[in-house]
């Protein structure tokens, strides 16, 4: 997620709001952001009710036999101003697509 901070001016050029969401608590978000030197875009805590947002977007890990049970998948959603999901990328934990892929999609919207 630090790469989003690095590219924030480019996202802003596309009139795009970057928002991070995880099932971690607000305190955990604050500690994480501080540990990486801070971020300037909002973080949403999907902590209580646990995973409600992740569940609605279909990315809550509900299989207790999988790693990171109860967490959300690593996923990216591009949602237009009318609330329509225009792009979804669910990728393995620990991986993140190159931001250029997102900029390619944004150029087409």
PDB file of N, CA and C in Angstrom:
ATOM      1  N   UNK A   1       0.791  -1.198   0.000  1.00  0.00           N
ATOM      2  CA  UNK A   1       0.000   0.000   0.000  1.00  0.00           C
ATOM      3  C   UNK A   1       0.837   1.268   0.000  1.00  0.00           C
ATOM      4  N   UNK A   2       2.100   1.176   0.416  1.00  0.00           N
ATOM      5  CA  UNK A   2       2.930   2.387   0.283  1.00  0.00           C
ATOM      6  C   UNK A   2       3.076   2.841  -1.170  1.00  0.00           C
ATOM      7  N   UNK A   3       2.973   1.903  -2.127  1.00  0.00           N
ATOM      8  CA  UNK A   3       3.100   2.317  -3.528  1.00  0.00           C
ATOM      9  C   UNK A   3       1.940   3.216  -3.947  1.00  0.00           C
ATOM     10  N   UNK A   4       0.782   3.052  -3.306  1.00  0.00           N
ATOM     11  CA  UNK A   4      -0.335   3.945  -3.606  1.00  0.00           C
ATOM     12  C   UNK A   4      -0.018   5.350  -3.118  1.00  0.00           C
ATOM     13  N   UNK A   5       0.607   5.428  -1.969  1.00  0.00           N
ATOM     14  CA  UNK A   5       1.032   6.735  -1.441  1.00  0.00           C
ATOM     15  C   UNK A   5       2.010   7.387  -2.417  1.00  0.00           C
ATOM     16  N   UNK A   6       2.960   6.599  -2.911  1.00  0.00           N
ATOM     17  CA  UNK A   6       3.955   7.130  -3.853  1.00  0.00           C
ATOM     18  C   UNK A   6       3.309   7.662  -5.125  1.00  0.00           C
ATOM     19  N   UNK A   7       2.240   7.000  -5.570  1.00  0.00           N
ATOM     20  CA  UNK A   7       1.572   7.376  -6.820  1.00  0.00           C
ATOM     21  C   UNK A   7       0.314   8.212  -6.600  1.00  0.00           C
ATOM     22  N   UNK A   8       0.105   8.687  -5.383  1.00  0.00           N
ATOM     23  CA  UNK A   8      -1.121   9.437  -5.079  1.00  0.00           C
ATOM     24  C   UNK A   8      -1.372  10.608  -6.033  1.00  0.00           C
ATOM     25  N   UNK A   9      -0.353  11.394  -6.405  1.00  0.00           N
ATOM     26  CA  UNK A   9      -0.617  12.476  -7.371  1.00  0.00           C
ATOM     27  C   UNK A   9      -1.164  11.959  -8.708  1.00  0.00           C
ATOM     28  N   UNK A  10      -0.690  10.806  -9.142  1.00  0.00           N
ATOM     29  CA  UNK A  10      -1.196  10.243 -10.403  1.00  0.00           C
ATOM     30  C   UNK A  10      -2.648   9.799 -10.242  1.00  0.00           C
ATOM     31  N   UNK A  11      -2.979   9.179  -9.104  1.00  0.00           N
ATOM     32  CA  UNK A  11      -4.379   8.808  -8.865  1.00  0.00           C
ATOM     33  C   UNK A  11      -5.257  10.052  -8.843  1.00  0.00           C
ATOM     34  N   UNK A  12      -4.771  11.114  -8.209  1.00  0.00           N
ATOM     35  CA  UNK A  12      -5.530  12.366  -8.148  1.00  0.00           C
ATOM     36  C   UNK A  12      -5.732  12.962  -9.535  1.00  0.00           C
ATOM     37  N   UNK A  13      -4.766  12.783 -10.437  1.00  0.00           N
ATOM     38  CA  UNK A  13      -4.920  13.250 -11.817  1.00  0.00           C
ATOM     39  C   UNK A  13      -6.116  12.585 -12.500  1.00  0.00           C
ATOM     40  N   UNK A  14      -6.440  11.370 -12.080  1.00  0.00           N
ATOM     41  CA  UNK A  14      -7.592  10.650 -12.625  1.00  0.00           C
ATOM     42  C   UNK A  14      -8.849  10.873 -11.774  1.00  0.00           C
ATOM     43  N   UNK A  15      -8.800  11.850 -10.849  1.00  0.00           N
ATOM     44  CA  UNK A  15      -9.921  12.159  -9.963  1.00  0.00           C
ATOM     45  C   UNK A  15     -10.339  10.905  -9.194  1.00  0.00           C
ATOM     46  N   UNK A  16      -9.331  10.186  -8.682  1.00  0.00           N
ATOM     47  CA  UNK A  16      -9.534   8.915  -8.002  1.00  0.00           C
ATOM     48  C   UNK A  16      -9.174   9.031  -6.533  1.00  0.00           C
ATOM     49  N   UNK A  17     -10.056   8.549  -5.670  1.00  0.00           N
ATOM     50  CA  UNK A  17      -9.809   8.497  -4.227  1.00  0.00           C
ATOM     51  C   UNK A  17      -9.271   7.119  -3.875  1.00  0.00           C
ATOM     52  N   UNK A  18      -8.089   7.054  -3.326  1.00  0.00           N
ATOM     53  CA  UNK A  18      -7.535   5.799  -2.819  1.00  0.00           C
ATOM     54  C   UNK A  18      -8.066   5.609  -1.400  1.00  0.00           C
ATOM     55  N   UNK A  19      -8.492   4.390  -1.098  1.00  0.00           N
ATOM     56  CA  UNK A  19      -9.022   4.060   0.217  1.00  0.00           C
ATOM     57  C   UNK A  19      -8.564   2.649   0.563  1.00  0.00           C
ATOM     58  N   UNK A  20      -7.971   2.475   1.724  1.00  0.00           N
ATOM     59  CA  UNK A  20      -7.576   1.153   2.189  1.00  0.00           C
ATOM     60  C   UNK A  20      -8.606   0.623   3.163  1.00  0.00           C
ATOM     61  N   UNK A  21      -8.952  -0.658   3.021  1.00  0.00           N
ATOM     62  CA  UNK A  21      -9.920  -1.284   3.919  1.00  0.00           C
ATOM     63  C   UNK A  21      -9.344  -2.629   4.371  1.00  0.00           C
ATOM     64  N   UNK A  22      -9.414  -2.893   5.668  1.00  0.00           N
ATOM     65  CA  UNK A  22      -9.063  -4.217   6.177  1.00  0.00           C
ATOM     66  C   UNK A  22      -9.892  -4.508   7.416  1.00  0.00           C
ATOM     67  N   UNK A  23      -9.868  -5.766   7.834  1.00  0.00           N
ATOM     68  CA  UNK A  23     -10.634  -6.171   9.003  1.00  0.00           C
ATOM     69  C   UNK A  23      -9.907  -5.830  10.308  1.00  0.00           C
ATOM     70  N   UNK A  24      -8.763  -5.177  10.217  1.00  0.00           N
ATOM     71  CA  UNK A  24      -8.015  -4.786  11.405  1.00  0.00           C
ATOM     72  C   UNK A  24      -8.680  -3.607  12.108  1.00  0.00           C
ATOM     73  N   UNK A  25      -8.351  -3.439  13.373  1.00  0.00           N
ATOM     74  CA  UNK A  25      -8.912  -2.346  14.168  1.00  0.00           C
ATOM     75  C   UNK A  25      -8.299  -1.005  13.768  1.00  0.00           C
ATOM     76  N   UNK A  26      -8.937   0.060  14.200  1.00  0.00           N
ATOM     77  CA  UNK A  26      -8.417   1.408  13.957  1.00  0.00           C
ATOM     78  C   UNK A  26      -7.031   1.550  14.566  1.00  0.00           C
ATOM     79  N   UNK A  27      -6.846   1.026  15.773  1.00  0.00           N
ATOM     80  CA  UNK A  27      -5.535   1.116  16.433  1.00  0.00           C
ATOM     81  C   UNK A  27      -4.468   0.381  15.633  1.00  0.00           C
ATOM     82  N   UNK A  28      -4.828  -0.761  15.075  1.00  0.00           N
ATOM     83  CA  UNK A  28      -3.893  -1.515  14.233  1.00  0.00           C
ATOM     84  C   UNK A  28      -3.545  -0.726  12.977  1.00  0.00           C
ATOM     85  N   UNK A  29      -4.548  -0.101  12.362  1.00  0.00           N
ATOM     86  CA  UNK A  29      -4.299   0.735  11.179  1.00  0.00           C
ATOM     87  C   UNK A  29      -3.345   1.865  11.521  1.00  0.00           C
ATOM     88  N   UNK A  30      -3.593   2.523  12.646  1.00  0.00           N
ATOM     89  CA  UNK A  30      -2.736   3.641  13.058  1.00  0.00           C
ATOM     90  C   UNK A  30      -1.294   3.176  13.263  1.00  0.00           C
ATOM     91  N   UNK A  31      -1.125   2.042  13.936  1.00  0.00           N
ATOM     92  CA  UNK A  31       0.221   1.516  14.187  1.00  0.00           C
ATOM     93  C   UNK A  31       0.905   1.137  12.888  1.00  0.00           C
ATOM     94  N   UNK A  32       0.166   0.501  11.980  1.00  0.00           N
ATOM     95  CA  UNK A  32       0.745   0.096  10.702  1.00  0.00           C
ATOM     96  C   UNK A  32       1.168   1.328   9.900  1.00  0.00           C
ATOM     97  N   UNK A  33       0.292   2.301   9.797  1.00  0.00           N
ATOM     98  CA  UNK A  33       0.615   3.509   9.027  1.00  0.00           C
ATOM     99  C   UNK A  33       1.848   4.195   9.617  1.00  0.00           C
ATOM    100  N   UNK A  34       1.903   4.273  10.921  1.00  0.00           N
ATOM    101  CA  UNK A  34       3.063   4.889  11.572  1.00  0.00           C
ATOM    102  C   UNK A  34       4.337   4.104  11.275  1.00  0.00           C
ATOM    103  N   UNK A  35       4.243   2.773  11.240  1.00  0.00           N
ATOM    104  CA  UNK A  35       5.421   1.929  11.009  1.00  0.00           C
ATOM    105  C   UNK A  35       6.018   2.116   9.621  1.00  0.00           C
ATOM    106  N   UNK A  36       5.203   2.578   8.668  1.00  0.00           N
ATOM    107  CA  UNK A  36       5.722   2.791   7.309  1.00  0.00           C
ATOM    108  C   UNK A  36       5.957   4.269   7.010  1.00  0.00           C
ATOM    109  N   UNK A  37       5.909   5.085   8.038  1.00  0.00           N
ATOM    110  CA  UNK A  37       6.169   6.509   7.848  1.00  0.00           C
ATOM    111  C   UNK A  37       4.945   7.341   7.562  1.00  0.00           C
ATOM    112  N   UNK A  38       3.767   6.748   7.675  1.00  0.00           N
ATOM    113  CA  UNK A  38       2.517   7.471   7.484  1.00  0.00           C
ATOM    114  C   UNK A  38       1.983   7.378   6.070  1.00  0.00           C
ATOM    115  N   UNK A  39       0.678   7.551   5.952  1.00  0.00           N
ATOM    116  CA  UNK A  39       0.008   7.632   4.653  1.00  0.00           C
ATOM    117  C   UNK A  39      -1.018   8.747   4.744  1.00  0.00           C
ATOM    118  N   UNK A  40      -1.360   9.287   3.590  1.00  0.00           N
ATOM    119  CA  UNK A  40      -2.268  10.430   3.586  1.00  0.00           C
ATOM    120  C   UNK A  40      -3.667  10.094   3.063  1.00  0.00           C
ATOM    121  N   UNK A  41      -3.888   8.863   2.625  1.00  0.00           N
ATOM    122  CA  UNK A  41      -5.227   8.484   2.188  1.00  0.00           C
ATOM    123  C   UNK A  41      -5.935   7.748   3.326  1.00  0.00           C
ATOM    124  N   UNK A  42      -7.262   7.712   3.312  1.00  0.00           N
ATOM    125  CA  UNK A  42      -7.997   7.114   4.430  1.00  0.00           C
ATOM    126  C   UNK A  42      -7.884   5.584   4.490  1.00  0.00           C
ATOM    127  N   UNK A  43      -7.940   5.085   5.718  1.00  0.00           N
ATOM    128  CA  UNK A  43      -8.022   3.653   5.972  1.00  0.00           C
ATOM    129  C   UNK A  43      -9.350   3.388   6.676  1.00  0.00           C
ATOM    130  N   UNK A  44     -10.064   2.402   6.216  1.00  0.00           N
ATOM    131  CA  UNK A  44     -11.352   2.026   6.801  1.00  0.00           C
ATOM    132  C   UNK A  44     -11.172   0.727   7.584  1.00  0.00           C
ATOM    133  N   UNK A  45     -11.620   0.728   8.816  1.00  0.00           N
ATOM    134  CA  UNK A  45     -11.569  -0.474   9.640  1.00  0.00           C
ATOM    135  C   UNK A  45     -12.868  -1.256   9.476  1.00  0.00           C
ATOM    136  N   UNK A  46     -12.757  -2.448   8.933  1.00  0.00           N
ATOM    137  CA  UNK A  46     -13.887  -3.360   8.746  1.00  0.00           C
ATOM    138  C   UNK A  46     -13.917  -4.344   9.921  1.00  0.00           C
ATOM    139  N   UNK A  47     -13.637  -3.808  11.109  1.00  0.00           N
ATOM    140  CA  UNK A  47     -13.434  -4.617  12.309  1.00  0.00           C
ATOM    141  C   UNK A  47     -14.733  -5.083  12.953  1.00  0.00           C
ATOM    142  N   UNK A  48     -15.723  -4.179  13.026  1.00  0.00           N
ATOM    143  CA  UNK A  48     -16.985  -4.545  13.661  1.00  0.00           C
ATOM    144  C   UNK A  48     -18.145  -3.876  12.950  1.00  0.00           C
ATOM    145  N   UNK A  49     -19.174  -4.600  12.576  1.00  0.00           N
ATOM    146  CA  UNK A  49     -19.198  -6.051  12.645  1.00  0.00           C
ATOM    147  C   UNK A  49     -18.114  -6.638  11.749  1.00  0.00           C
ATOM    148  N   UNK A  50     -17.421  -7.626  12.280  1.00  0.00           N
ATOM    149  CA  UNK A  50     -16.218  -8.152  11.639  1.00  0.00           C
ATOM    150  C   UNK A  50     -16.448  -8.527  10.179  1.00  0.00           C
ATOM    151  N   UNK A  51     -15.701  -7.855   9.293  1.00  0.00           N
ATOM    152  CA  UNK A  51     -15.686  -8.204   7.881  1.00  0.00           C
ATOM    153  C   UNK A  51     -16.947  -7.897   7.108  1.00  0.00           C
ATOM    154  N   UNK A  52     -17.798  -7.030   7.615  1.00  0.00           N
ATOM    155  CA  UNK A  52     -19.065  -6.761   6.933  1.00  0.00           C
ATOM    156  C   UNK A  52     -18.849  -6.216   5.509  1.00  0.00           C
ATOM    157  N   UNK A  53     -17.925  -5.277   5.357  1.00  0.00           N
ATOM    158  CA  UNK A  53     -17.649  -4.722   4.019  1.00  0.00           C
ATOM    159  C   UNK A  53     -17.011  -5.791   3.143  1.00  0.00           C
ATOM    160  N   UNK A  54     -16.028  -6.491   3.686  1.00  0.00           N
ATOM    161  CA  UNK A  54     -15.357  -7.559   2.926  1.00  0.00           C
ATOM    162  C   UNK A  54     -16.352  -8.618   2.475  1.00  0.00           C
ATOM    163  N   UNK A  55     -17.268  -8.965   3.357  1.00  0.00           N
ATOM    164  CA  UNK A  55     -18.305  -9.948   3.034  1.00  0.00           C
ATOM    165  C   UNK A  55     -19.167  -9.458   1.871  1.00  0.00           C
ATOM    166  N   UNK A  56     -19.578  -8.196   1.919  1.00  0.00           N
ATOM    167  CA  UNK A  56     -20.432  -7.653   0.860  1.00  0.00           C
ATOM    168  C   UNK A  56     -19.735  -7.631  -0.494  1.00  0.00           C
ATOM    169  N   UNK A  57     -18.411  -7.475  -0.490  1.00  0.00           N
ATOM    170  CA  UNK A  57     -17.655  -7.475  -1.745  1.00  0.00           C
ATOM    171  C   UNK A  57     -17.136  -8.859  -2.109  1.00  0.00           C
ATOM    172  N   UNK A  58     -17.489  -9.860  -1.310  1.00  0.00           N
ATOM    173  CA  UNK A  58     -17.138 -11.239  -1.632  1.00  0.00           C
ATOM    174  C   UNK A  58     -15.679 -11.590  -1.424  1.00  0.00           C
ATOM    175  N   UNK A  59     -14.981 -10.887  -0.530  1.00  0.00           N
ATOM    176  CA  UNK A  59     -13.557 -11.143  -0.357  1.00  0.00           C
ATOM    177  C   UNK A  59     -13.162 -11.492   1.084  1.00  0.00           C
ATOM    178  N   UNK A  60     -14.134 -11.846   1.920  1.00  0.00           N
ATOM    179  CA  UNK A  60     -13.813 -12.269   3.284  1.00  0.00           C
ATOM    180  C   UNK A  60     -13.386 -13.728   3.249  1.00  0.00           C
ATOM    181  N   UNK A  61     -12.253 -14.035   3.850  1.00  0.00           N
ATOM    182  CA  UNK A  61     -11.741 -15.415   3.905  1.00  0.00           C
ATOM    183  C   UNK A  61     -12.511 -16.171   4.987  1.00  0.00           C
ATOM    184  N   UNK A  62     -13.418 -17.067   4.557  1.00  0.00           N
ATOM    185  CA  UNK A  62     -14.304 -17.748   5.491  1.00  0.00           C
ATOM    186  C   UNK A  62     -13.940 -19.208   5.730  1.00  0.00           C
ATOM    187  N   UNK A  63     -12.944 -19.721   5.044  1.00  0.00           N
ATOM    188  CA  UNK A  63     -12.554 -21.116   5.216  1.00  0.00           C
ATOM    189  C   UNK A  63     -11.505 -21.222   6.321  1.00  0.00           C
ATOM    190  N   UNK A  64     -11.849 -21.854   7.455  1.00  0.00           N
ATOM    191  CA  UNK A  64     -10.899 -21.925   8.570  1.00  0.00           C
ATOM    192  C   UNK A  64      -9.650 -22.742   8.251  1.00  0.00           C
ATOM    193  N   UNK A  65      -9.673 -23.503   7.157  1.00  0.00           N
ATOM    194  CA  UNK A  65      -8.499 -24.292   6.776  1.00  0.00           C
ATOM    195  C   UNK A  65      -7.510 -23.509   5.916  1.00  0.00           C
ATOM    196  N   UNK A  66      -7.884 -22.309   5.505  1.00  0.00           N
ATOM    197  CA  UNK A  66      -7.002 -21.477   4.680  1.00  0.00           C
ATOM    198  C   UNK A  66      -6.191 -20.531   5.552  1.00  0.00           C
ATOM    199  N   UNK A  67      -5.021 -20.124   5.055  1.00  0.00           N
ATOM    200  CA  UNK A  67      -4.262 -19.106   5.795  1.00  0.00           C
ATOM    201  C   UNK A  67      -5.067 -17.801   5.882  1.00  0.00           C
ATOM    202  N   UNK A  68      -4.850 -17.072   6.936  1.00  0.00           N
ATOM    203  CA  UNK A  68      -5.475 -15.755   7.140  1.00  0.00           C
ATOM    204  C   UNK A  68      -6.994 -15.839   7.231  1.00  0.00           C
ATOM    205  N   UNK A  69      -7.491 -16.938   7.806  1.00  0.00           N
ATOM    206  CA  UNK A  69      -8.929 -17.089   8.033  1.00  0.00           C
ATOM    207  C   UNK A  69      -9.462 -15.872   8.787  1.00  0.00           C
ATOM    208  N   UNK A  70     -10.571 -15.318   8.329  1.00  0.00           N
ATOM    209  CA  UNK A  70     -11.188 -14.160   8.966  1.00  0.00           C
ATOM    210  C   UNK A  70     -10.687 -12.832   8.439  1.00  0.00           C
ATOM    211  N   UNK A  71      -9.626 -12.859   7.649  1.00  0.00           N
ATOM    212  CA  UNK A  71      -9.115 -11.641   7.023  1.00  0.00           C
ATOM    213  C   UNK A  71      -9.791 -11.479   5.664  1.00  0.00           C
ATOM    214  N   UNK A  72      -9.510 -10.386   5.021  1.00  0.00           N
ATOM    215  CA  UNK A  72     -10.028 -10.217   3.672  1.00  0.00           C
ATOM    216  C   UNK A  72      -8.946 -10.606   2.671  1.00  0.00           C
ATOM    217  N   UNK A  73      -9.395 -11.008   1.498  1.00  0.00           N
ATOM    218  CA  UNK A  73      -8.460 -11.272   0.405  1.00  0.00           C
ATOM    219  C   UNK A  73      -7.730  -9.984   0.075  1.00  0.00           C
ATOM    220  N   UNK A  74      -6.614 -10.086  -0.578  1.00  0.00           N
ATOM    221  CA  UNK A  74      -5.948  -8.906  -1.108  1.00  0.00           C
ATOM    222  C   UNK A  74      -6.663  -8.593  -2.422  1.00  0.00           C
ATOM    223  N   UNK A  75      -7.405  -7.520  -2.423  1.00  0.00           N
ATOM    224  CA  UNK A  75      -8.252  -7.213  -3.572  1.00  0.00           C
ATOM    225  C   UNK A  75      -8.255  -5.725  -3.856  1.00  0.00           C
ATOM    226  N   UNK A  76      -8.421  -5.407  -5.112  1.00  0.00           N
ATOM    227  CA  UNK A  76      -8.543  -4.027  -5.572  1.00  0.00           C
ATOM    228  C   UNK A  76      -9.862  -3.880  -6.299  1.00  0.00           C
ATOM    229  N   UNK A  77     -10.557  -2.802  -6.007  1.00  0.00           N
ATOM    230  CA  UNK A  77     -11.803  -2.489  -6.680  1.00  0.00           C
ATOM    231  C   UNK A  77     -11.718  -1.059  -7.182  1.00  0.00           C
ATOM    232  N   UNK A  78     -12.087  -0.840  -8.426  1.00  0.00           N
ATOM    233  CA  UNK A  78     -12.269   0.511  -8.946  1.00  0.00           C
ATOM    234  C   UNK A  78     -13.766   0.712  -9.105  1.00  0.00           C
ATOM    235  N   UNK A  79     -14.266   1.715  -8.411  1.00  0.00           N
ATOM    236  CA  UNK A  79     -15.697   1.991  -8.382  1.00  0.00           C
ATOM    237  C   UNK A  79     -15.913   3.399  -8.915  1.00  0.00           C
ATOM    238  N   UNK A  80     -16.798   3.535  -9.895  1.00  0.00           N
ATOM    239  CA  UNK A  80     -16.991   4.852 -10.489  1.00  0.00           C
ATOM    240  C   UNK A  80     -17.868   5.728  -9.596  1.00  0.00           C
ATOM    241  N   UNK A  81     -18.083   6.945 -10.016  1.00  0.00           N
ATOM    242  CA  UNK A  81     -18.819   7.913  -9.202  1.00  0.00           C
ATOM    243  C   UNK A  81     -20.293   7.558  -9.042  1.00  0.00           C
ATOM    244  N   UNK A  82     -20.798   6.661  -9.871  1.00  0.00           N
ATOM    245  CA  UNK A  82     -22.172   6.203  -9.735  1.00  0.00           C
ATOM    246  C   UNK A  82     -22.255   4.972  -8.843  1.00  0.00           C
ATOM    247  N   UNK A  83     -21.119   4.518  -8.307  1.00  0.00           N
ATOM    248  CA  UNK A  83     -21.101   3.354  -7.426  1.00  0.00           C
ATOM    249  C   UNK A  83     -21.022   2.026  -8.142  1.00  0.00           C
ATOM    250  N   UNK A  84     -20.723   2.059  -9.439  1.00  0.00           N
ATOM    251  CA  UNK A  84     -20.623   0.824 -10.222  1.00  0.00           C
ATOM    252  C   UNK A  84     -19.190   0.316 -10.169  1.00  0.00           C
ATOM    253  N   UNK A  85     -19.031  -0.961  -9.805  1.00  0.00           N
ATOM    254  CA  UNK A  85     -17.708  -1.579  -9.769  1.00  0.00           C
ATOM    255  C   UNK A  85     -17.257  -1.782 -11.207  1.00  0.00           C
ATOM    256  N   UNK A  86     -16.140  -1.167 -11.567  1.00  0.00           N
ATOM    257  CA  UNK A  86     -15.622  -1.215 -12.940  1.00  0.00           C
ATOM    258  C   UNK A  86     -14.433  -2.146 -13.103  1.00  0.00           C
ATOM    259  N   UNK A  87     -13.804  -2.530 -11.989  1.00  0.00           N
ATOM    260  CA  UNK A  87     -12.607  -3.376 -12.077  1.00  0.00           C
ATOM    261  C   UNK A  87     -12.432  -4.084 -10.747  1.00  0.00           C
ATOM    262  N   UNK A  88     -12.112  -5.374 -10.815  1.00  0.00           N
ATOM    263  CA  UNK A  88     -11.822  -6.165  -9.625  1.00  0.00           C
ATOM    264  C   UNK A  88     -10.556  -6.961  -9.882  1.00  0.00           C
ATOM    265  N   UNK A  89      -9.670  -6.938  -8.912  1.00  0.00           N
ATOM    266  CA  UNK A  89      -8.473  -7.776  -8.972  1.00  0.00           C
ATOM    267  C   UNK A  89      -8.292  -8.397  -7.598  1.00  0.00           C
ATOM    268  N   UNK A  90      -8.399  -9.715  -7.524  1.00  0.00           N
ATOM    269  CA  UNK A  90      -8.118 -10.447  -6.288  1.00  0.00           C
ATOM    270  C   UNK A  90      -6.827 -11.202  -6.535  1.00  0.00           C
ATOM    271  N   UNK A  91      -5.864 -10.975  -5.672  1.00  0.00           N
ATOM    272  CA  UNK A  91      -4.534 -11.562  -5.892  1.00  0.00           C
ATOM    273  C   UNK A  91      -4.020 -12.217  -4.612  1.00  0.00           C
ATOM    274  N   UNK A  92      -3.009 -13.069  -4.737  1.00  0.00           N
ATOM    275  CA  UNK A  92      -2.502 -13.790  -3.569  1.00  0.00           C
ATOM    276  C   UNK A  92      -2.000 -12.851  -2.477  1.00  0.00           C
ATOM    277  N   UNK A  93      -2.143 -13.318  -1.229  1.00  0.00           N
ATOM    278  CA  UNK A  93      -1.613 -12.558  -0.101  1.00  0.00           C
ATOM    279  C   UNK A  93      -0.136 -12.270  -0.345  1.00  0.00           C
ATOM    280  N   UNK A  94       0.275 -11.067  -0.028  1.00  0.00           N
ATOM    281  CA  UNK A  94       1.671 -10.701  -0.207  1.00  0.00           C
ATOM    282  C   UNK A  94       2.010 -10.183  -1.597  1.00  0.00           C
ATOM    283  N   UNK A  95       1.066 -10.229  -2.516  1.00  0.00           N
ATOM    284  CA  UNK A  95       1.303  -9.720  -3.869  1.00  0.00           C
ATOM    285  C   UNK A  95       0.412  -8.514  -4.120  1.00  0.00           C
ATOM    286  N   UNK A  96       0.890  -7.676  -5.027  1.00  0.00           N
ATOM    287  CA  UNK A  96       0.121  -6.497  -5.413  1.00  0.00           C
ATOM    288  C   UNK A  96       0.423  -6.221  -6.881  1.00  0.00           C
ATOM    289  N   UNK A  97      -0.608  -6.049  -7.694  1.00  0.00           N
ATOM    290  CA  UNK A  97      -0.338  -5.732  -9.093  1.00  0.00           C
ATOM    291  C   UNK A  97       0.350  -4.380  -9.223  1.00  0.00           C
ATOM    292  N   UNK A  98       1.040  -4.207 -10.296  1.00  0.00           N
ATOM    293  CA  UNK A  98       1.694  -2.939 -10.588  1.00  0.00           C
ATOM    294  C   UNK A  98       0.622  -1.861 -10.756  1.00  0.00           C
ATOM    295  N   UNK A  99       0.876  -0.698 -10.211  1.00  0.00           N
ATOM    296  CA  UNK A  99      -0.095   0.396 -10.319  1.00  0.00           C
ATOM    297  C   UNK A  99      -0.399   0.764 -11.760  1.00  0.00           C
ATOM    298  N   UNK A 100       0.518   0.476 -12.673  1.00  0.00           N
ATOM    299  CA  UNK A 100       0.266   0.794 -14.082  1.00  0.00           C
ATOM    300  C   UNK A 100      -0.970   0.079 -14.603  1.00  0.00           C
ATOM    301  N   UNK A 101      -1.250  -1.121 -14.084  1.00  0.00           N
ATOM    302  CA  UNK A 101      -2.468  -1.831 -14.480  1.00  0.00           C
ATOM    303  C   UNK A 101      -3.700  -1.008 -14.090  1.00  0.00           C
ATOM    304  N   UNK A 102      -3.659  -0.426 -12.906  1.00  0.00           N
ATOM    305  CA  UNK A 102      -4.777   0.407 -12.455  1.00  0.00           C
ATOM    306  C   UNK A 102      -4.909   1.668 -13.306  1.00  0.00           C
ATOM    307  N   UNK A 103      -3.781   2.278 -13.627  1.00  0.00           N
ATOM    308  CA  UNK A 103      -3.820   3.492 -14.454  1.00  0.00           C
ATOM    309  C   UNK A 103      -4.347   3.180 -15.859  1.00  0.00           C
ATOM    310  N   UNK A 104      -4.026   1.999 -16.388  1.00  0.00           N
ATOM    311  CA  UNK A 104      -4.573   1.604 -17.685  1.00  0.00           C
ATOM    312  C   UNK A 104      -6.096   1.518 -17.636  1.00  0.00           C
ATOM    313  N   UNK A 105      -6.625   0.945 -16.554  1.00  0.00           N
ATOM    314  CA  UNK A 105      -8.081   0.849 -16.402  1.00  0.00           C
ATOM    315  C   UNK A 105      -8.673   2.250 -16.227  1.00  0.00           C
ATOM    316  N   UNK A 106      -8.054   3.070 -15.398  1.00  0.00           N
ATOM    317  CA  UNK A 106      -8.568   4.429 -15.161  1.00  0.00           C
ATOM    318  C   UNK A 106      -8.604   5.252 -16.451  1.00  0.00           C
ATOM    319  N   UNK A 107      -7.618   5.072 -17.299  1.00  0.00           N
ATOM    320  CA  UNK A 107      -7.602   5.805 -18.585  1.00  0.00           C
ATOM    321  C   UNK A 107      -8.828   5.489 -19.431  1.00  0.00           C
ATOM    322  N   UNK A 108      -9.333   4.253 -19.290  1.00  0.00           N
ATOM    323  CA  UNK A 108     -10.462   3.786 -20.110  1.00  0.00           C
ATOM    324  C   UNK A 108     -11.813   4.182 -19.529  1.00  0.00           C
ATOM    325  N   UNK A 109     -11.842   4.610 -18.278  1.00  0.00           N
ATOM    326  CA  UNK A 109     -13.130   4.962 -17.660  1.00  0.00           C
ATOM    327  C   UNK A 109     -13.570   6.358 -18.063  1.00  0.00           C
TER     328      UNK A 109
END
